PDB file of N, CA and C in Angstrom:
ATOM      1  N   MET A   1      15.855 -14.000 140.549  1.00  0.00           N
ATOM      2  CA  MET A   1      15.802 -14.393 141.942  1.00  0.00           C
ATOM      3  C   MET A   1      14.399 -14.158 142.494  1.00  0.00           C
ATOM      4  N   THR A   2      13.980 -15.051 143.340  1.00  0.00           N
ATOM      5  CA  THR A   2      12.694 -14.896 144.002  1.00  0.00           C
ATOM      6  C   THR A   2      12.879 -14.071 145.257  1.00  0.00           C
ATOM      7  N   GLU A   3      11.787 -13.762 145.934  1.00  0.00           N
ATOM      8  CA  GLU A   3      11.866 -12.977 147.171  1.00  0.00           C
ATOM      9  C   GLU A   3      12.680 -13.693 148.236  1.00  0.00           C
ATOM     10  N   THR A   4      12.738 -15.014 148.198  1.00  0.00           N
ATOM     11  CA  THR A   4      13.490 -15.776 149.194  1.00  0.00           C
ATOM     12  C   THR A   4      14.967 -15.887 148.825  1.00  0.00           C
ATOM     13  N   GLY A   5      15.356 -15.306 147.687  1.00  0.00           N
ATOM     14  CA  GLY A   5      16.754 -15.314 147.269  1.00  0.00           C
ATOM     15  C   GLY A   5      17.158 -16.528 146.463  1.00  0.00           C
ATOM     16  N   GLN A   6      16.206 -17.364 146.117  1.00  0.00           N
ATOM     17  CA  GLN A   6      16.519 -18.545 145.323  1.00  0.00           C
ATOM     18  C   GLN A   6      16.356 -18.215 143.830  1.00  0.00           C
ATOM     19  N   ALA A   7      17.195 -18.822 143.043  1.00  0.00           N
ATOM     20  CA  ALA A   7      17.127 -18.614 141.595  1.00  0.00           C
ATOM     21  C   ALA A   7      15.864 -19.257 141.032  1.00  0.00           C
ATOM     22  N   GLN A   8      15.241 -18.573 140.084  1.00  0.00           N
ATOM     23  CA  GLN A   8      14.062 -19.124 139.420  1.00  0.00           C
ATOM     24  C   GLN A   8      14.505 -20.107 138.348  1.00  0.00           C
ATOM     25  N   ALA A   9      13.750 -21.156 138.208  1.00  0.00           N
ATOM     26  CA  ALA A   9      14.049 -22.138 137.165  1.00  0.00           C
ATOM     27  C   ALA A   9      13.696 -21.544 135.814  1.00  0.00           C
ATOM     28  N   ARG A  10      14.554 -21.795 134.847  1.00  0.00           N
ATOM     29  CA  ARG A  10      14.282 -21.351 133.483  1.00  0.00           C
ATOM     30  C   ARG A  10      13.206 -22.212 132.877  1.00  0.00           C
ATOM     31  N   PRO A  11      12.275 -21.611 132.144  1.00  0.00           N
ATOM     32  CA  PRO A  11      11.266 -22.452 131.484  1.00  0.00           C
ATOM     33  C   PRO A  11      11.940 -23.306 130.414  1.00  0.00           C
ATOM     34  N   ARG A  12      11.531 -24.547 130.296  1.00  0.00           N
ATOM     35  CA  ARG A  12      12.100 -25.453 129.294  1.00  0.00           C
ATOM     36  C   ARG A  12      11.524 -25.103 127.929  1.00  0.00           C
ATOM     37  N   PRO A  13      12.377 -24.996 126.930  1.00  0.00           N
ATOM     38  CA  PRO A  13      11.860 -24.684 125.594  1.00  0.00           C
ATOM     39  C   PRO A  13      11.021 -25.840 125.062  1.00  0.00           C
ATOM     40  N   GLU A  14      10.037 -25.493 124.258  1.00  0.00           N
ATOM     41  CA  GLU A  14       9.206 -26.513 123.639  1.00  0.00           C
ATOM     42  C   GLU A  14       9.986 -27.192 122.529  1.00  0.00           C
ATOM     43  N   ALA A  15       9.588 -28.400 122.235  1.00  0.00           N
ATOM     44  CA  ALA A  15      10.191 -29.105 121.112  1.00  0.00           C
ATOM     45  C   ALA A  15       9.828 -28.351 119.836  1.00  0.00           C
ATOM     46  N   PRO A  16      10.719 -28.333 118.856  1.00  0.00           N
ATOM     47  CA  PRO A  16      10.396 -27.659 117.598  1.00  0.00           C
ATOM     48  C   PRO A  16       9.136 -28.247 116.977  1.00  0.00           C
ATOM     49  N   ARG A  17       8.399 -27.420 116.295  1.00  0.00           N
ATOM     50  CA  ARG A  17       7.174 -27.872 115.628  1.00  0.00           C
ATOM     51  C   ARG A  17       7.364 -27.755 114.132  1.00  0.00           C
ATOM     52  N   ILE A  18       7.244 -28.848 113.455  1.00  0.00           N
ATOM     53  CA  ILE A  18       7.335 -28.856 111.995  1.00  0.00           C
ATOM     54  C   ILE A  18       5.915 -28.753 111.467  1.00  0.00           C
ATOM     55  N   ILE A  19       5.676 -27.723 110.659  1.00  0.00           N
ATOM     56  CA  ILE A  19       4.341 -27.504 110.107  1.00  0.00           C
ATOM     57  C   ILE A  19       4.284 -28.159 108.734  1.00  0.00           C
ATOM     58  N   PRO A  20       3.426 -29.167 108.577  1.00  0.00           N
ATOM     59  CA  PRO A  20       3.332 -29.859 107.284  1.00  0.00           C
ATOM     60  C   PRO A  20       2.947 -28.904 106.152  1.00  0.00           C
ATOM     61  N   ARG A  21       3.383 -29.210 104.946  1.00  0.00           N
ATOM     62  CA  ARG A  21       3.144 -28.365 103.776  1.00  0.00           C
ATOM     63  C   ARG A  21       1.670 -28.016 103.600  1.00  0.00           C
ATOM     64  N   ALA A  22       0.783 -28.932 103.891  1.00  0.00           N
ATOM     65  CA  ALA A  22      -0.649 -28.683 103.704  1.00  0.00           C
ATOM     66  C   ALA A  22      -1.199 -27.640 104.676  1.00  0.00           C
ATOM     67  N   GLU A  23      -0.437 -27.311 105.708  1.00  0.00           N
ATOM     68  CA  GLU A  23      -0.925 -26.381 106.733  1.00  0.00           C
ATOM     69  C   GLU A  23      -0.321 -24.977 106.656  1.00  0.00           C
ATOM     70  N   HIS A  24       0.441 -24.689 105.608  1.00  0.00           N
ATOM     71  CA  HIS A  24       0.981 -23.334 105.464  1.00  0.00           C
ATOM     72  C   HIS A  24       1.001 -22.926 103.994  1.00  0.00           C
ATOM     73  N   THR A  25       1.250 -21.653 103.775  1.00  0.00           N
ATOM     74  CA  THR A  25       1.211 -21.123 102.408  1.00  0.00           C
ATOM     75  C   THR A  25       2.591 -20.895 101.799  1.00  0.00           C
ATOM     76  N   ILE A  26       3.638 -21.296 102.486  1.00  0.00           N
ATOM     77  CA  ILE A  26       4.992 -21.063 101.977  1.00  0.00           C
ATOM     78  C   ILE A  26       5.285 -22.035 100.842  1.00  0.00           C
ATOM     79  N   SER A  27       5.807 -21.493  99.751  1.00  0.00           N
ATOM     80  CA  SER A  27       6.191 -22.287  98.591  1.00  0.00           C
ATOM     81  C   SER A  27       7.707 -22.191  98.419  1.00  0.00           C
ATOM     82  N   ARG A  28       8.312 -23.202  97.799  1.00  0.00           N
ATOM     83  CA  ARG A  28       9.753 -23.138  97.517  1.00  0.00           C
ATOM     84  C   ARG A  28      10.091 -21.895  96.682  1.00  0.00           C
ATOM     85  N   ALA A  29       9.141 -21.459  95.877  1.00  0.00           N
ATOM     86  CA  ALA A  29       9.364 -20.273  95.047  1.00  0.00           C
ATOM     87  C   ALA A  29       9.557 -19.013  95.895  1.00  0.00           C
ATOM     88  N   ASP A  30       9.092 -19.033  97.156  1.00  0.00           N
ATOM     89  CA  ASP A  30       9.225 -17.882  98.055  1.00  0.00           C
ATOM     90  C   ASP A  30      10.561 -17.867  98.785  1.00  0.00           C
ATOM     91  N   ILE A  31      11.282 -18.974  98.710  1.00  0.00           N
ATOM     92  CA  ILE A  31      12.522 -19.135  99.474  1.00  0.00           C
ATOM     93  C   ILE A  31      13.713 -18.862  98.569  1.00  0.00           C
ATOM     94  N   SER A  32      14.700 -18.194  99.117  1.00  0.00           N
ATOM     95  CA  SER A  32      15.917 -17.896  98.374  1.00  0.00           C
ATOM     96  C   SER A  32      16.494 -19.167  97.756  1.00  0.00           C
ATOM     97  N   GLU A  33      16.899 -19.070  96.500  1.00  0.00           N
ATOM     98  CA  GLU A  33      17.527 -20.198  95.806  1.00  0.00           C
ATOM     99  C   GLU A  33      18.750 -20.690  96.579  1.00  0.00           C
ATOM    100  N   ASN A  34      19.493 -19.753  97.167  1.00  0.00           N
ATOM    101  CA  ASN A  34      20.702 -20.122  97.910  1.00  0.00           C
ATOM    102  C   ASN A  34      20.374 -20.838  99.218  1.00  0.00           C
ATOM    103  N   ALA A  35      19.325 -20.415  99.896  1.00  0.00           N
ATOM    104  CA  ALA A  35      18.903 -21.121 101.114  1.00  0.00           C
ATOM    105  C   ALA A  35      18.476 -22.542 100.755  1.00  0.00           C
ATOM    106  N   LEU A  36      17.787 -22.698  99.631  1.00  0.00           N
ATOM    107  CA  LEU A  36      17.397 -24.033  99.181  1.00  0.00           C
ATOM    108  C   LEU A  36      18.625 -24.883  98.871  1.00  0.00           C
ATOM    109  N   LYS A  37      19.662 -24.291  98.276  1.00  0.00           N
ATOM    110  CA  LYS A  37      20.902 -25.022  97.996  1.00  0.00           C
ATOM    111  C   LYS A  37      21.501 -25.571  99.281  1.00  0.00           C
ATOM    112  N   VAL A  38      21.515 -24.733 100.324  1.00  0.00           N
ATOM    113  CA  VAL A  38      22.070 -25.156 101.607  1.00  0.00           C
ATOM    114  C   VAL A  38      21.239 -26.306 102.177  1.00  0.00           C
ATOM    115  N   LEU A  39      19.917 -26.151 102.183  1.00  0.00           N
ATOM    116  CA  LEU A  39      19.040 -27.199 102.700  1.00  0.00           C
ATOM    117  C   LEU A  39      19.236 -28.513 101.940  1.00  0.00           C
ATOM    118  N   TYR A  40      19.229 -28.441 100.613  1.00  0.00           N
ATOM    119  CA  TYR A  40      19.339 -29.648  99.796  1.00  0.00           C
ATOM    120  C   TYR A  40      20.696 -30.329  99.971  1.00  0.00           C
ATOM    121  N   ARG A  41      21.772 -29.553 100.023  1.00  0.00           N
ATOM    122  CA  ARG A  41      23.098 -30.166 100.147  1.00  0.00           C
ATOM    123  C   ARG A  41      23.272 -30.825 101.512  1.00  0.00           C
ATOM    124  N   LEU A  42      22.772 -30.179 102.569  1.00  0.00           N
ATOM    125  CA  LEU A  42      22.848 -30.794 103.898  1.00  0.00           C
ATOM    126  C   LEU A  42      22.054 -32.098 103.926  1.00  0.00           C
ATOM    127  N   ARG A  43      20.848 -32.068 103.367  1.00  0.00           N
ATOM    128  CA  ARG A  43      20.014 -33.281 103.354  1.00  0.00           C
ATOM    129  C   ARG A  43      20.664 -34.383 102.513  1.00  0.00           C
ATOM    130  N   LYS A  44      21.229 -34.011 101.364  1.00  0.00           N
ATOM    131  CA  LYS A  44      21.884 -35.003 100.498  1.00  0.00           C
ATOM    132  C   LYS A  44      23.070 -35.655 101.205  1.00  0.00           C
ATOM    133  N   ALA A  45      23.725 -34.908 102.103  1.00  0.00           N
ATOM    134  CA  ALA A  45      24.867 -35.427 102.858  1.00  0.00           C
ATOM    135  C   ALA A  45      24.422 -36.242 104.079  1.00  0.00           C
ATOM    136  N   GLY A  46      23.104 -36.363 104.280  1.00  0.00           N
ATOM    137  CA  GLY A  46      22.604 -37.205 105.356  1.00  0.00           C
ATOM    138  C   GLY A  46      22.246 -36.481 106.647  1.00  0.00           C
ATOM    139  N   TYR A  47      22.252 -35.154 106.625  1.00  0.00           N
ATOM    140  CA  TYR A  47      21.921 -34.379 107.821  1.00  0.00           C
ATOM    141  C   TYR A  47      20.461 -33.936 107.782  1.00  0.00           C
ATOM    142  N   GLN A  48      19.928 -33.641 108.947  1.00  0.00           N
ATOM    143  CA  GLN A  48      18.635 -32.983 109.035  1.00  0.00           C
ATOM    144  C   GLN A  48      18.884 -31.501 108.767  1.00  0.00           C
ATOM    145  N   ALA A  49      17.965 -30.826 108.127  1.00  0.00           N
ATOM    146  CA  ALA A  49      18.122 -29.394 107.871  1.00  0.00           C
ATOM    147  C   ALA A  49      16.742 -28.771 107.731  1.00  0.00           C
ATOM    148  N   TYR A  50      16.541 -27.663 108.434  1.00  0.00           N
ATOM    149  CA  TYR A  50      15.239 -27.005 108.455  1.00  0.00           C
ATOM    150  C   TYR A  50      15.403 -25.504 108.275  1.00  0.00           C
ATOM    151  N   LEU A  51      14.492 -24.905 107.530  1.00  0.00           N
ATOM    152  CA  LEU A  51      14.417 -23.457 107.417  1.00  0.00           C
ATOM    153  C   LEU A  51      13.789 -22.949 108.710  1.00  0.00           C
ATOM    154  N   VAL A  52      14.409 -21.974 109.346  1.00  0.00           N
ATOM    155  CA  VAL A  52      13.958 -21.503 110.663  1.00  0.00           C
ATOM    156  C   VAL A  52      14.060 -19.984 110.752  1.00  0.00           C
ATOM    157  N   GLY A  53      13.553 -19.437 111.825  1.00  0.00           N
ATOM    158  CA  GLY A  53      13.801 -18.044 112.166  1.00  0.00           C
ATOM    159  C   GLY A  53      12.883 -17.033 111.522  1.00  0.00           C
ATOM    160  N   GLY A  54      13.395 -15.798 111.486  1.00  0.00           N
ATOM    161  CA  GLY A  54      12.609 -14.660 111.026  1.00  0.00           C
ATOM    162  C   GLY A  54      12.171 -14.754 109.579  1.00  0.00           C
ATOM    163  N   GLY A  55      12.956 -15.427 108.747  1.00  0.00           N
ATOM    164  CA  GLY A  55      12.553 -15.581 107.348  1.00  0.00           C
ATOM    165  C   GLY A  55      11.268 -16.368 107.224  1.00  0.00           C
ATOM    166  N   VAL A  56      11.142 -17.411 108.037  1.00  0.00           N
ATOM    167  CA  VAL A  56       9.910 -18.210 108.041  1.00  0.00           C
ATOM    168  C   VAL A  56       8.757 -17.357 108.559  1.00  0.00           C
ATOM    169  N   ARG A  57       8.996 -16.642 109.655  1.00  0.00           N
ATOM    170  CA  ARG A  57       7.956 -15.762 110.211  1.00  0.00           C
ATOM    171  C   ARG A  57       7.479 -14.761 109.171  1.00  0.00           C
ATOM    172  N   ASP A  58       8.437 -14.120 108.486  1.00  0.00           N
ATOM    173  CA  ASP A  58       8.075 -13.124 107.480  1.00  0.00           C
ATOM    174  C   ASP A  58       7.239 -13.735 106.355  1.00  0.00           C
ATOM    175  N   LEU A  59       7.627 -14.911 105.882  1.00  0.00           N
ATOM    176  CA  LEU A  59       6.862 -15.563 104.819  1.00  0.00           C
ATOM    177  C   LEU A  59       5.440 -15.884 105.281  1.00  0.00           C
ATOM    178  N   LEU A  60       5.307 -16.352 106.518  1.00  0.00           N
ATOM    179  CA  LEU A  60       3.971 -16.664 107.040  1.00  0.00           C
ATOM    180  C   LEU A  60       3.109 -15.417 107.172  1.00  0.00           C
ATOM    181  N   LEU A  61       3.750 -14.263 107.390  1.00  0.00           N
ATOM    182  CA  LEU A  61       3.025 -12.994 107.516  1.00  0.00           C
ATOM    183  C   LEU A  61       2.857 -12.289 106.171  1.00  0.00           C
ATOM    184  N   GLY A  62       3.344 -12.909 105.086  1.00  0.00           N
ATOM    185  CA  GLY A  62       3.208 -12.309 103.762  1.00  0.00           C
ATOM    186  C   GLY A  62       4.225 -11.220 103.480  1.00  0.00           C
ATOM    187  N   ARG A  63       5.292 -11.171 104.264  1.00  0.00           N
ATOM    188  CA  ARG A  63       6.356 -10.174 104.060  1.00  0.00           C
ATOM    189  C   ARG A  63       7.521 -10.792 103.299  1.00  0.00           C
ATOM    190  N   GLU A  64       8.376  -9.926 102.753  1.00  0.00           N
ATOM    191  CA  GLU A  64       9.569 -10.414 102.075  1.00  0.00           C
ATOM    192  C   GLU A  64      10.698 -10.526 103.101  1.00  0.00           C
ATOM    193  N   PRO A  65      11.257 -11.724 103.290  1.00  0.00           N
ATOM    194  CA  PRO A  65      12.327 -11.898 104.275  1.00  0.00           C
ATOM    195  C   PRO A  65      13.599 -11.183 103.868  1.00  0.00           C
ATOM    196  N   LYS A  66      14.335 -10.687 104.872  1.00  0.00           N
ATOM    197  CA  LYS A  66      15.621 -10.056 104.564  1.00  0.00           C
ATOM    198  C   LYS A  66      16.738 -11.088 104.499  1.00  0.00           C
ATOM    199  N   ASP A  67      16.543 -12.231 105.171  1.00  0.00           N
ATOM    200  CA  ASP A  67      17.533 -13.304 105.114  1.00  0.00           C
ATOM    201  C   ASP A  67      16.888 -14.622 105.509  1.00  0.00           C
ATOM    202  N   PHE A  68      17.667 -15.688 105.365  1.00  0.00           N
ATOM    203  CA  PHE A  68      17.173 -17.018 105.696  1.00  0.00           C
ATOM    204  C   PHE A  68      18.178 -17.720 106.589  1.00  0.00           C
ATOM    205  N   ASP A  69      17.651 -18.459 107.564  1.00  0.00           N
ATOM    206  CA  ASP A  69      18.475 -19.208 108.507  1.00  0.00           C
ATOM    207  C   ASP A  69      18.108 -20.680 108.413  1.00  0.00           C
ATOM    208  N   VAL A  70      19.101 -21.516 108.682  1.00  0.00           N
ATOM    209  CA  VAL A  70      18.922 -22.961 108.644  1.00  0.00           C
ATOM    210  C   VAL A  70      19.398 -23.534 109.969  1.00  0.00           C
ATOM    211  N   ALA A  71      18.673 -24.524 110.485  1.00  0.00           N
ATOM    212  CA  ALA A  71      19.102 -25.281 111.660  1.00  0.00           C
ATOM    213  C   ALA A  71      19.346 -26.714 111.207  1.00  0.00           C
ATOM    214  N   THR A  72      20.411 -27.326 111.737  1.00  0.00           N
ATOM    215  CA  THR A  72      20.813 -28.654 111.291  1.00  0.00           C
ATOM    216  C   THR A  72      21.448 -29.442 112.422  1.00  0.00           C
ATOM    217  N   ASP A  73      21.567 -30.758 112.232  1.00  0.00           N
ATOM    218  CA  ASP A  73      22.305 -31.563 113.194  1.00  0.00           C
ATOM    219  C   ASP A  73      23.780 -31.681 112.798  1.00  0.00           C
ATOM    220  N   ALA A  74      24.166 -31.109 111.664  1.00  0.00           N
ATOM    221  CA  ALA A  74      25.576 -31.084 111.266  1.00  0.00           C
ATOM    222  C   ALA A  74      26.335 -30.100 112.158  1.00  0.00           C
ATOM    223  N   ARG A  75      27.519 -30.490 112.568  1.00  0.00           N
ATOM    224  CA  ARG A  75      28.361 -29.591 113.363  1.00  0.00           C
ATOM    225  C   ARG A  75      28.957 -28.529 112.430  1.00  0.00           C
ATOM    226  N   PRO A  76      29.342 -27.380 112.966  1.00  0.00           N
ATOM    227  CA  PRO A  76      29.874 -26.309 112.104  1.00  0.00           C
ATOM    228  C   PRO A  76      31.003 -26.773 111.181  1.00  0.00           C
ATOM    229  N   GLU A  77      31.894 -27.597 111.682  1.00  0.00           N
ATOM    230  CA  GLU A  77      33.007 -28.088 110.857  1.00  0.00           C
ATOM    231  C   GLU A  77      32.498 -28.970 109.717  1.00  0.00           C
ATOM    232  N   GLU A  78      31.410 -29.694 109.958  1.00  0.00           N
ATOM    233  CA  GLU A  78      30.818 -30.529 108.910  1.00  0.00           C
ATOM    234  C   GLU A  78      30.143 -29.666 107.847  1.00  0.00           C
ATOM    235  N   VAL A  79      29.548 -28.567 108.267  1.00  0.00           N
ATOM    236  CA  VAL A  79      28.952 -27.627 107.308  1.00  0.00           C
ATOM    237  C   VAL A  79      30.059 -27.026 106.448  1.00  0.00           C
ATOM    238  N   ARG A  80      31.145 -26.613 107.101  1.00  0.00           N
ATOM    239  CA  ARG A  80      32.262 -26.012 106.356  1.00  0.00           C
ATOM    240  C   ARG A  80      32.836 -26.986 105.336  1.00  0.00           C
ATOM    241  N   ALA A  81      32.873 -28.266 105.676  1.00  0.00           N
ATOM    242  CA  ALA A  81      33.399 -29.270 104.745  1.00  0.00           C
ATOM    243  C   ALA A  81      32.507 -29.422 103.507  1.00  0.00           C
ATOM    244  N   LEU A  82      31.229 -29.102 103.632  1.00  0.00           N
ATOM    245  CA  LEU A  82      30.298 -29.222 102.500  1.00  0.00           C
ATOM    246  C   LEU A  82      30.277 -27.984 101.603  1.00  0.00           C
ATOM    247  N   PHE A  83      30.671 -26.833 102.161  1.00  0.00           N
ATOM    248  CA  PHE A  83      30.575 -25.564 101.431  1.00  0.00           C
ATOM    249  C   PHE A  83      31.917 -24.844 101.467  1.00  0.00           C
ATOM    250  N   ARG A  84      32.546 -24.710 100.315  1.00  0.00           N
ATOM    251  CA  ARG A  84      33.827 -23.997 100.298  1.00  0.00           C
ATOM    252  C   ARG A  84      33.632 -22.499 100.522  1.00  0.00           C
ATOM    253  N   ASN A  85      32.403 -22.021 100.341  1.00  0.00           N
ATOM    254  CA  ASN A  85      32.065 -20.607 100.540  1.00  0.00           C
ATOM    255  C   ASN A  85      31.535 -20.378 101.958  1.00  0.00           C
ATOM    256  N   CYS A  86      32.047 -21.160 102.926  1.00  0.00           N
ATOM    257  CA  CYS A  86      31.560 -21.108 104.300  1.00  0.00           C
ATOM    258  C   CYS A  86      32.627 -20.538 105.231  1.00  0.00           C
ATOM    259  N   ARG A  87      32.174 -19.746 106.179  1.00  0.00           N
ATOM    260  CA  ARG A  87      33.059 -19.178 107.204  1.00  0.00           C
ATOM    261  C   ARG A  87      32.419 -19.436 108.562  1.00  0.00           C
ATOM    262  N   LEU A  88      33.198 -19.936 109.521  1.00  0.00           N
ATOM    263  CA  LEU A  88      32.684 -20.177 110.872  1.00  0.00           C
ATOM    264  C   LEU A  88      32.894 -18.936 111.712  1.00  0.00           C
ATOM    265  N   ILE A  89      31.871 -18.562 112.470  1.00  0.00           N
ATOM    266  CA  ILE A  89      31.957 -17.386 113.333  1.00  0.00           C
ATOM    267  C   ILE A  89      31.531 -17.778 114.749  1.00  0.00           C
ATOM    268  N   GLY A  90      31.870 -16.935 115.690  1.00  0.00           N
ATOM    269  CA  GLY A  90      31.469 -17.150 117.077  1.00  0.00           C
ATOM    270  C   GLY A  90      32.449 -18.021 117.823  1.00  0.00           C
ATOM    271  N   ARG A  91      32.514 -17.816 119.133  1.00  0.00           N
ATOM    272  CA  ARG A  91      33.413 -18.610 119.962  1.00  0.00           C
ATOM    273  C   ARG A  91      32.654 -19.637 120.776  1.00  0.00           C
ATOM    274  N   ARG A  92      31.697 -19.154 121.555  1.00  0.00           N
ATOM    275  CA  ARG A  92      30.953 -20.051 122.443  1.00  0.00           C
ATOM    276  C   ARG A  92      29.934 -20.886 121.671  1.00  0.00           C
ATOM    277  N   PHE A  93      29.168 -20.237 120.802  1.00  0.00           N
ATOM    278  CA  PHE A  93      28.202 -20.944 119.963  1.00  0.00           C
ATOM    279  C   PHE A  93      28.567 -20.649 118.523  1.00  0.00           C
ATOM    280  N   ARG A  94      29.221 -21.607 117.875  1.00  0.00           N
ATOM    281  CA  ARG A  94      29.720 -21.396 116.516  1.00  0.00           C
ATOM    282  C   ARG A  94      28.590 -21.507 115.498  1.00  0.00           C
ATOM    283  N   LEU A  95      28.630 -20.597 114.554  1.00  0.00           N
ATOM    284  CA  LEU A  95      27.679 -20.571 113.441  1.00  0.00           C
ATOM    285  C   LEU A  95      28.457 -20.681 112.146  1.00  0.00           C
ATOM    286  N   ALA A  96      27.803 -21.213 111.144  1.00  0.00           N
ATOM    287  CA  ALA A  96      28.388 -21.257 109.807  1.00  0.00           C
ATOM    288  C   ALA A  96      27.663 -20.231 108.947  1.00  0.00           C
ATOM    289  N   HIS A  97      28.435 -19.369 108.306  1.00  0.00           N
ATOM    290  CA  HIS A  97      27.881 -18.427 107.339  1.00  0.00           C
ATOM    291  C   HIS A  97      28.266 -18.932 105.956  1.00  0.00           C
ATOM    292  N   VAL A  98      27.262 -19.289 105.175  1.00  0.00           N
ATOM    293  CA  VAL A  98      27.511 -19.735 103.807  1.00  0.00           C
ATOM    294  C   VAL A  98      27.196 -18.546 102.909  1.00  0.00           C
ATOM    295  N   ARG A  99      28.222 -18.059 102.229  1.00  0.00           N
ATOM    296  CA  ARG A  99      28.107 -16.822 101.448  1.00  0.00           C
ATOM    297  C   ARG A  99      27.902 -17.119  99.967  1.00  0.00           C
ATOM    298  N   PHE A 100      26.904 -16.442  99.415  1.00  0.00           N
ATOM    299  CA  PHE A 100      26.622 -16.492  97.976  1.00  0.00           C
ATOM    300  C   PHE A 100      26.612 -15.045  97.512  1.00  0.00           C
ATOM    301  N   GLY A 101      27.743 -14.527  97.064  1.00  0.00           N
ATOM    302  CA  GLY A 101      27.825 -13.109  96.705  1.00  0.00           C
ATOM    303  C   GLY A 101      27.556 -12.263  97.930  1.00  0.00           C
ATOM    304  N   ARG A 102      26.518 -11.426  97.874  1.00  0.00           N
ATOM    305  CA  ARG A 102      26.177 -10.569  99.017  1.00  0.00           C
ATOM    306  C   ARG A 102      25.230 -11.247 100.009  1.00  0.00           C
ATOM    307  N   GLU A 103      24.668 -12.394  99.613  1.00  0.00           N
ATOM    308  CA  GLU A 103      23.724 -13.100 100.487  1.00  0.00           C
ATOM    309  C   GLU A 103      24.451 -14.089 101.384  1.00  0.00           C
ATOM    310  N   ILE A 104      24.085 -14.090 102.666  1.00  0.00           N
ATOM    311  CA  ILE A 104      24.625 -15.047 103.629  1.00  0.00           C
ATOM    312  C   ILE A 104      23.475 -15.873 104.179  1.00  0.00           C
ATOM    313  N   VAL A 105      23.628 -17.182 104.119  1.00  0.00           N
ATOM    314  CA  VAL A 105      22.684 -18.097 104.756  1.00  0.00           C
ATOM    315  C   VAL A 105      23.359 -18.558 106.042  1.00  0.00           C
ATOM    316  N   GLU A 106      22.732 -18.244 107.181  1.00  0.00           N
ATOM    317  CA  GLU A 106      23.298 -18.606 108.471  1.00  0.00           C
ATOM    318  C   GLU A 106      22.840 -20.007 108.852  1.00  0.00           C
ATOM    319  N   VAL A 107      23.804 -20.857 109.221  1.00  0.00           N
ATOM    320  CA  VAL A 107      23.508 -22.241 109.565  1.00  0.00           C
ATOM    321  C   VAL A 107      23.927 -22.480 111.014  1.00  0.00           C
ATOM    322  N   ALA A 108      22.964 -22.882 111.836  1.00  0.00           N
ATOM    323  CA  ALA A 108      23.222 -23.153 113.251  1.00  0.00           C
ATOM    324  C   ALA A 108      22.990 -24.632 113.530  1.00  0.00           C
ATOM    325  N   THR A 109      23.802 -25.171 114.432  1.00  0.00           N
ATOM    326  CA  THR A 109      23.648 -26.556 114.858  1.00  0.00           C
ATOM    327  C   THR A 109      22.637 -26.618 115.995  1.00  0.00           C
ATOM    328  N   PHE A 110      21.803 -27.661 115.987  1.00  0.00           N
ATOM    329  CA  PHE A 110      20.856 -27.839 117.086  1.00  0.00           C
ATOM    330  C   PHE A 110      21.624 -27.778 118.409  1.00  0.00           C
ATOM    331  N   ARG A 111      21.072 -27.131 119.408  1.00  0.00           N
ATOM    332  CA  ARG A 111      21.722 -27.048 120.725  1.00  0.00           C
ATOM    333  C   ARG A 111      21.420 -28.254 121.593  1.00  0.00           C
ATOM    334  N   ALA A 112      20.326 -28.925 121.332  1.00  0.00           N
ATOM    335  CA  ALA A 112      19.936 -30.103 122.100  1.00  0.00           C
ATOM    336  C   ALA A 112      19.449 -31.146 121.118  1.00  0.00           C
ATOM    337  N   ILE A 113      19.344 -32.361 121.572  1.00  0.00           N
ATOM    338  CA  ILE A 113      18.826 -33.421 120.710  1.00  0.00           C
ATOM    339  C   ILE A 113      17.351 -33.098 120.444  1.00  0.00           C
ATOM    340  N   PRO A 114      17.011 -32.859 119.199  1.00  0.00           N
ATOM    341  CA  PRO A 114      15.630 -32.468 118.892  1.00  0.00           C
ATOM    342  C   PRO A 114      14.683 -33.653 118.944  1.00  0.00           C
ATOM    343  N   ARG A 115      13.474 -33.361 119.336  1.00  0.00           N
ATOM    344  CA  ARG A 115      12.391 -34.341 119.263  1.00  0.00           C
ATOM    345  C   ARG A 115      11.478 -33.843 118.152  1.00  0.00           C
ATOM    346  N   LEU A 116      11.913 -34.030 116.929  1.00  0.00           N
ATOM    347  CA  LEU A 116      11.186 -33.495 115.778  1.00  0.00           C
ATOM    348  C   LEU A 116      10.160 -34.497 115.284  1.00  0.00           C
ATOM    349  N   ALA A 117       8.948 -34.048 115.259  1.00  0.00           N
ATOM    350  CA  ALA A 117       7.870 -34.877 114.722  1.00  0.00           C
ATOM    351  C   ALA A 117       6.804 -33.963 114.173  1.00  0.00           C
ATOM    352  N   ALA A 118       6.319 -34.286 113.015  1.00  0.00           N
ATOM    353  CA  ALA A 118       5.245 -33.473 112.424  1.00  0.00           C
ATOM    354  C   ALA A 118       4.005 -33.617 113.293  1.00  0.00           C
ATOM    355  N   GLU A 119       3.356 -32.520 113.526  1.00  0.00           N
ATOM    356  CA  GLU A 119       2.137 -32.532 114.340  1.00  0.00           C
ATOM    357  C   GLU A 119       0.921 -32.347 113.492  1.00  0.00           C
TER     358      GLU A 119
END
């Protein structure tokens, strides 16, 4: 709230930025085999799928990620249909957890229509 009692407008999030391969040091060899399986299967099924979150940040900083997250245009039920090892969690914002033994790859659906373009 402002001093006049009016609610402040929320800043609009920026469009996602896809960093082309030539502009970063991340290699597929640095990414969990299971996260790659999720990305490849979603793409093969015709969905957009991107590695996102803290795992990407850690790789860019030269650290070992503790987990990997994926963002996609597939709805949670569509993700579950592709992976028998998938469990949907959450009520308001549903997430798909794709389990590979002790490793979980978290898959979230885009919240808004993305304007994805390589910069």
